[in-house]
């Protein structure tokens, strides 16, 4: 039967030319897909895609990484958070802070070009650019042009406007009455007979008893004290309880450890007095001695 070439035909479409290259849809579910891990540029360990910081050394990745093929969230870079909970994203490298800057804060106490906040693989620095009302870190004024290392959780004042470097979304978490941030910390259970504890590690969540000798702390499972904070390294440092004192040592963490605002040098064994404030990541800790 002859077909009229001018007639519209309803059907399943024209026959397929087996010699013609066809453009198709996405791969089938049976095709193997590769998820490429992220290699840390410092310790060279491999991390699952989408992580914000290295699982091994705690390095904060300097760029946002896309989520993997199965929908893992992209890396969230740190932000400046003010006392009202407003978040200001921090981009890698130098960030001009002021009423007119990369980080624009609408506060008349802040100069148009107030300070420079720099984010690097090694952490953060702040520099006052000759502002009218000055810049302070944990209450200590900065001289004009002075470059100071700052760690997440420290208070930074731009002319009296207080901000802190935090992970996105931290401002919505529950705050303890002391002002410390609720963070997950865990310690290995004490063995029977260890009921004569002489010192405790005081956190916003409670107290962790310390045993005599050296105990490791960090973000990775396997430490004696595990700290669930993205700014804490996998193996961050040690706590050494002797018969008469407690000592903290930073063993080479990426974001550092501070005691009363002073950053510890790597390997520096520092005696902790009752009431001293220890800053690791976004967490402020204290040591309580028996009888104190």
Protein backbone atom coordinates (compact mmCIF):
# COMPACT_ATOMS: atom_id res chain seq x y z
CA UNK A 1 0.00 0.00 0.00
CA UNK A 2 1.33 3.43 -1.01
CA UNK A 3 1.72 6.09 1.73
CA UNK A 4 0.83 9.73 1.11
CA UNK A 5 4.04 11.63 1.98
CA UNK A 6 1.98 14.75 2.83
CA UNK A 7 -0.19 13.02 5.41
CA UNK A 8 0.52 13.27 9.17
CA UNK A 9 0.98 9.83 10.62
CA UNK A 10 0.47 9.10 14.34
CA UNK A 11 2.77 6.33 15.44
CA UNK A 12 5.88 5.35 17.24
CA UNK A 13 8.21 7.66 15.37
CA UNK A 14 10.50 7.09 12.39
CA UNK A 15 12.55 3.94 12.16
CA UNK A 16 16.01 4.10 13.68
CA UNK A 17 18.99 4.14 11.36
CA UNK A 18 21.40 1.66 12.94
CA UNK A 19 24.36 3.47 11.38
CA UNK A 20 23.51 6.81 12.95
CA UNK A 21 25.08 8.06 16.19
CA UNK A 22 22.40 8.77 18.79
CA UNK A 23 22.60 11.17 21.75
CA UNK A 24 21.01 9.51 24.77
CA UNK A 25 20.12 10.32 28.36
CA UNK A 26 22.20 9.86 31.47
CA UNK A 27 23.89 6.60 32.36
CA UNK A 28 21.82 3.77 33.65
CA UNK A 29 21.85 2.76 37.31
CA UNK A 30 23.96 -0.24 36.36
CA UNK A 31 26.88 1.94 35.24
CA UNK A 32 29.68 2.17 37.81
CA UNK A 33 30.14 5.74 39.05
CA UNK A 34 33.32 6.92 40.76
CA UNK A 35 33.26 9.28 43.74
CA UNK A 36 36.65 10.96 43.98
CA UNK A 37 37.88 11.55 47.55
CA UNK A 38 39.40 14.88 48.57
CA UNK A 39 43.12 14.81 49.37
CA UNK A 40 44.29 17.15 52.13
CA UNK A 41 47.13 19.39 50.83
CA UNK A 42 48.86 19.31 54.25
CA UNK A 43 48.79 15.74 55.62
CA UNK A 44 47.96 14.11 52.23
CA UNK A 45 45.21 11.96 53.72
CA UNK A 46 42.06 11.29 51.68
CA UNK A 47 38.64 12.50 52.86
CA UNK A 48 35.10 11.75 51.65
CA UNK A 49 33.72 14.41 49.27
CA UNK A 50 31.79 17.25 50.89
CA UNK A 51 33.73 17.50 54.16
CA UNK A 52 34.53 20.94 55.55
CA UNK A 53 37.78 19.92 57.24
CA UNK A 54 40.34 17.16 56.97
CA UNK A 55 39.46 14.12 59.10
CA UNK A 56 43.10 13.56 59.95
CA UNK A 57 44.69 16.97 60.67
CA UNK A 58 41.62 19.25 60.87
CA UNK A 59 42.73 21.60 58.09
CA UNK A 60 39.81 23.76 56.95
CA UNK A 61 39.60 23.43 53.18
CA UNK A 62 40.12 26.81 51.54
CA UNK A 63 37.47 26.38 48.83
CA UNK A 64 33.92 25.13 48.79
CA UNK A 65 33.78 21.67 47.30
CA UNK A 66 30.73 20.41 45.44
CA UNK A 67 28.71 17.60 46.94
CA UNK A 68 29.30 14.14 45.57
CA UNK A 69 27.09 12.25 43.12
CA UNK A 70 24.92 10.91 45.92
CA UNK A 71 23.94 14.30 47.29
CA UNK A 72 26.46 14.86 50.09
CA UNK A 73 26.32 18.48 51.25
CA UNK A 74 28.91 20.87 49.93
CA UNK A 75 31.62 22.19 52.22
CA UNK A 76 30.47 25.12 54.34
CA UNK A 77 33.09 27.81 54.87
CA UNK A 78 33.38 29.64 58.22
CA UNK A 79 31.40 32.82 58.86
CA UNK A 80 31.55 35.86 61.12
CA UNK A 81 28.61 35.75 63.53
CA UNK A 82 27.53 38.79 65.54
CA UNK A 83 25.68 38.81 68.86
CA UNK A 84 22.32 38.96 67.07
CA UNK A 85 23.12 35.74 65.20
CA UNK A 86 23.66 37.36 61.80
CA UNK A 87 26.19 35.48 59.68
CA UNK A 88 28.71 37.09 57.31
CA UNK A 89 30.47 34.61 54.96
CA UNK A 90 34.28 34.58 54.96
CA UNK A 91 35.89 33.88 51.62
CA UNK A 92 39.40 32.38 51.28
CA UNK A 93 42.15 35.00 51.29
CA UNK A 94 41.84 38.64 52.36
CA UNK A 95 38.43 40.02 53.38
CA UNK A 96 37.92 43.76 53.87
CA UNK A 97 35.66 44.35 56.87
CA UNK A 98 33.75 47.63 57.19
CA UNK A 99 30.58 49.46 56.29
CA UNK A 100 31.78 49.17 52.69
CA UNK A 101 33.77 45.99 52.22
CA UNK A 102 33.82 42.30 51.35
CA UNK A 103 32.19 41.76 54.76
CA UNK A 104 29.81 44.70 55.01
CA UNK A 105 28.49 45.41 58.52
CA UNK A 106 25.93 48.18 58.89
CA UNK A 107 27.03 49.76 62.17
CA UNK A 108 27.99 53.42 62.55
CA UNK A 109 30.73 52.49 65.02
CA UNK A 110 32.54 50.65 62.20
CA UNK A 111 34.68 52.54 59.70
CA UNK A 112 34.06 52.22 55.98
CA UNK A 113 37.31 50.23 55.69
CA UNK A 114 37.81 49.05 59.25
CA UNK A 115 39.96 45.90 59.23
CA UNK A 116 41.30 43.07 57.12
CA UNK A 117 40.40 39.47 57.99
CA UNK A 118 42.52 36.92 56.14
CA UNK A 119 41.61 33.24 55.87
CA UNK A 120 44.45 30.86 54.95
CA UNK A 121 45.15 27.15 55.22
CA UNK A 122 46.86 27.88 58.54
CA UNK A 123 43.97 29.78 60.13
CA UNK A 124 42.84 33.40 60.40
CA UNK A 125 44.52 36.77 60.97
CA UNK A 126 43.03 40.18 61.71
CA UNK A 127 44.56 43.60 61.01
CA UNK A 128 43.19 47.03 61.89
CA UNK A 129 43.40 49.41 58.93
CA UNK A 130 43.40 52.66 60.92
CA UNK A 131 39.75 52.58 61.97
CA UNK A 132 38.23 55.38 64.04
CA UNK A 133 37.01 53.24 66.95
CA UNK A 134 39.62 50.49 66.83
CA UNK A 135 39.67 46.70 66.79
CA UNK A 136 39.98 44.36 69.78
CA UNK A 137 40.50 40.61 70.12
CA UNK A 138 39.25 39.15 73.42
CA UNK A 139 39.20 42.70 74.77
CA UNK A 140 42.81 43.51 73.81
CA UNK A 141 43.21 46.50 71.42
CA UNK A 142 45.15 46.05 68.18
CA UNK A 143 47.61 48.68 67.05
CA UNK A 144 47.05 50.04 63.56
CA UNK A 145 48.68 47.65 61.09
CA UNK A 146 49.22 44.95 63.71
CA UNK A 147 48.46 41.48 62.32
CA UNK A 148 47.17 39.06 64.94
CA UNK A 149 46.26 35.38 64.67
CA UNK A 150 42.68 34.67 65.74
CA UNK A 151 41.00 31.35 66.37
CA UNK A 152 37.33 30.35 66.00
CA UNK A 153 35.37 31.33 69.06
CA UNK A 154 37.50 34.32 70.05
CA UNK A 155 35.63 37.62 70.32
CA UNK A 156 36.55 40.25 67.74
CA UNK A 157 35.30 43.81 68.27
CA UNK A 158 35.06 46.28 65.41
CA UNK A 159 34.41 49.58 67.19
CA UNK A 160 32.37 47.71 69.82
CA UNK A 161 30.50 45.49 67.35
CA UNK A 162 31.32 41.96 68.56
CA UNK A 163 31.65 39.02 66.17
CA UNK A 164 33.16 35.52 66.31
CA UNK A 165 34.44 33.12 63.66
CA UNK A 166 32.16 30.09 63.62
CA UNK A 167 30.85 27.30 61.42
CA UNK A 168 27.63 28.22 59.57
CA UNK A 169 24.52 27.47 61.61
CA UNK A 170 26.32 27.49 64.96
CA UNK A 171 24.45 30.60 66.09
CA UNK A 172 21.21 28.60 66.21
CA UNK A 173 22.61 26.00 68.61
CA UNK A 174 21.84 25.99 72.30
CA UNK A 175 24.11 28.20 74.42
CA UNK A 176 24.99 27.26 77.97
CA UNK A 177 24.49 29.92 80.69
CA UNK A 178 28.25 30.34 80.97
CA UNK A 179 28.39 31.50 77.36
CA UNK A 180 30.25 28.39 76.21
CA UNK A 181 28.93 26.62 73.15
CA UNK A 182 27.34 23.22 73.53
CA UNK A 183 29.65 20.78 71.80
CA UNK A 184 29.82 17.01 71.91
CA UNK A 185 32.72 15.70 73.94
CA UNK A 186 33.29 12.19 75.13
CA UNK A 187 35.90 10.41 77.17
CA UNK A 188 36.78 6.76 77.48
CA UNK A 189 34.98 5.22 80.47
CA UNK A 190 37.02 4.99 83.63
CA UNK A 191 37.86 1.52 84.87
CA UNK A 192 36.62 0.24 88.24
CA UNK A 193 38.63 1.57 91.16
CA UNK A 194 39.31 4.97 89.61
CA UNK A 195 37.10 6.73 92.11
CA UNK A 196 39.79 9.02 93.51
CA UNK A 197 39.78 11.52 90.65
CA UNK A 198 41.95 14.58 91.33
CA UNK A 199 41.02 16.76 88.33
CA UNK A 200 38.22 17.21 85.83
CA UNK A 201 38.02 18.74 82.34
CA UNK A 202 35.10 21.20 82.56
CA UNK A 203 33.05 21.70 79.38
CA UNK A 204 29.74 23.35 78.57
CA UNK A 205 28.18 19.88 78.65
CA UNK A 206 29.56 18.82 82.02
CA UNK A 207 32.77 17.48 83.52
CA UNK A 208 35.08 14.74 82.25
CA UNK A 209 37.25 13.01 84.88
CA UNK A 210 40.95 12.85 84.04
CA UNK A 211 43.15 9.90 84.88
CA UNK A 212 46.79 10.13 85.83
CA UNK A 213 49.15 10.05 82.86
CA UNK A 214 48.94 11.31 79.29
CA UNK A 215 45.57 11.37 77.50
CA UNK A 216 45.13 12.32 73.86
CA UNK A 217 42.35 14.57 72.61
CA UNK A 218 41.08 15.40 69.14
CA UNK A 219 38.22 14.92 66.69
CA UNK A 220 38.99 11.33 65.64
CA UNK A 221 37.61 8.28 67.37
CA UNK A 222 40.39 6.53 69.22
CA UNK A 223 41.44 9.58 71.24
CA UNK A 224 41.00 9.39 75.00
CA UNK A 225 38.90 12.56 74.80
CA UNK A 226 36.95 12.98 71.54
CA UNK A 227 35.91 16.53 70.58
CA UNK A 228 33.19 16.83 67.91
CA UNK A 229 34.23 20.20 66.51
CA UNK A 230 35.21 20.78 62.84
CA UNK A 231 37.96 23.20 63.89
CA UNK A 232 39.66 20.60 66.10
CA UNK A 233 42.29 18.39 64.45
CA UNK A 234 41.93 14.63 64.31
CA UNK A 235 44.89 14.37 66.70
CA UNK A 236 44.96 17.79 68.35
CA UNK A 237 46.97 17.47 71.55
CA UNK A 238 47.52 15.80 74.90
CA UNK A 239 46.44 16.32 78.49
CA UNK A 240 49.00 15.18 81.07
CA UNK A 241 47.82 14.69 84.65
CA UNK A 242 50.72 14.46 87.14
CA UNK A 243 50.46 14.13 90.93
CA UNK A 244 50.51 17.91 91.34
CA UNK A 245 49.25 19.51 88.08
CA UNK A 246 47.59 19.24 84.67
CA UNK A 247 49.53 20.09 81.50
CA UNK A 248 48.23 20.78 77.98
CA UNK A 249 50.32 20.22 74.85
CA UNK A 250 49.34 21.05 71.27
CA UNK A 251 50.88 18.35 69.11
CA UNK A 252 50.69 20.25 65.82
CA UNK A 253 47.00 21.02 65.25
CA UNK A 254 45.94 23.11 62.25
CA UNK A 255 43.95 25.74 64.19
CA UNK A 256 45.90 25.79 67.41
CA UNK A 257 45.25 25.77 71.16
CA UNK A 258 45.11 28.90 73.33
CA UNK A 259 45.37 29.34 77.09
CA UNK A 260 43.95 32.61 78.41
CA UNK A 261 44.10 33.98 74.86
CA UNK A 262 47.77 33.09 74.26
CA UNK A 263 48.36 30.56 71.49
CA UNK A 264 50.55 27.62 72.44
CA UNK A 265 53.55 26.76 70.32
CA UNK A 266 53.55 23.25 68.88
CA UNK A 267 54.96 20.86 71.46
CA UNK A 268 54.84 23.47 74.25
CA UNK A 269 53.86 21.72 77.51
CA UNK A 270 51.88 24.26 79.50
CA UNK A 271 50.75 23.95 83.10
CA UNK A 272 47.07 24.77 83.57
CA UNK A 273 46.03 26.63 86.70
CA UNK A 274 42.56 26.42 88.20
CA UNK A 275 40.36 28.92 86.33
CA UNK A 276 42.53 29.14 83.20
CA UNK A 277 40.54 29.21 79.96
CA UNK A 278 41.63 26.73 77.28
CA UNK A 279 40.38 27.37 73.75
CA UNK A 280 40.34 24.51 71.23
CA UNK A 281 38.29 25.08 68.12
CA UNK A 282 35.06 26.76 69.17
CA UNK A 283 35.11 25.22 72.62
CA UNK A 284 36.25 26.88 75.85
CA UNK A 285 37.41 24.48 78.56
CA UNK A 286 38.67 24.71 82.14
CA UNK A 287 40.40 22.38 84.57
CA UNK A 288 38.86 21.88 88.01
CA UNK A 289 41.10 20.43 90.67
CA UNK A 290 39.76 18.44 93.60
CA UNK A 291 38.89 20.81 96.43
CA UNK A 292 38.75 23.86 94.14
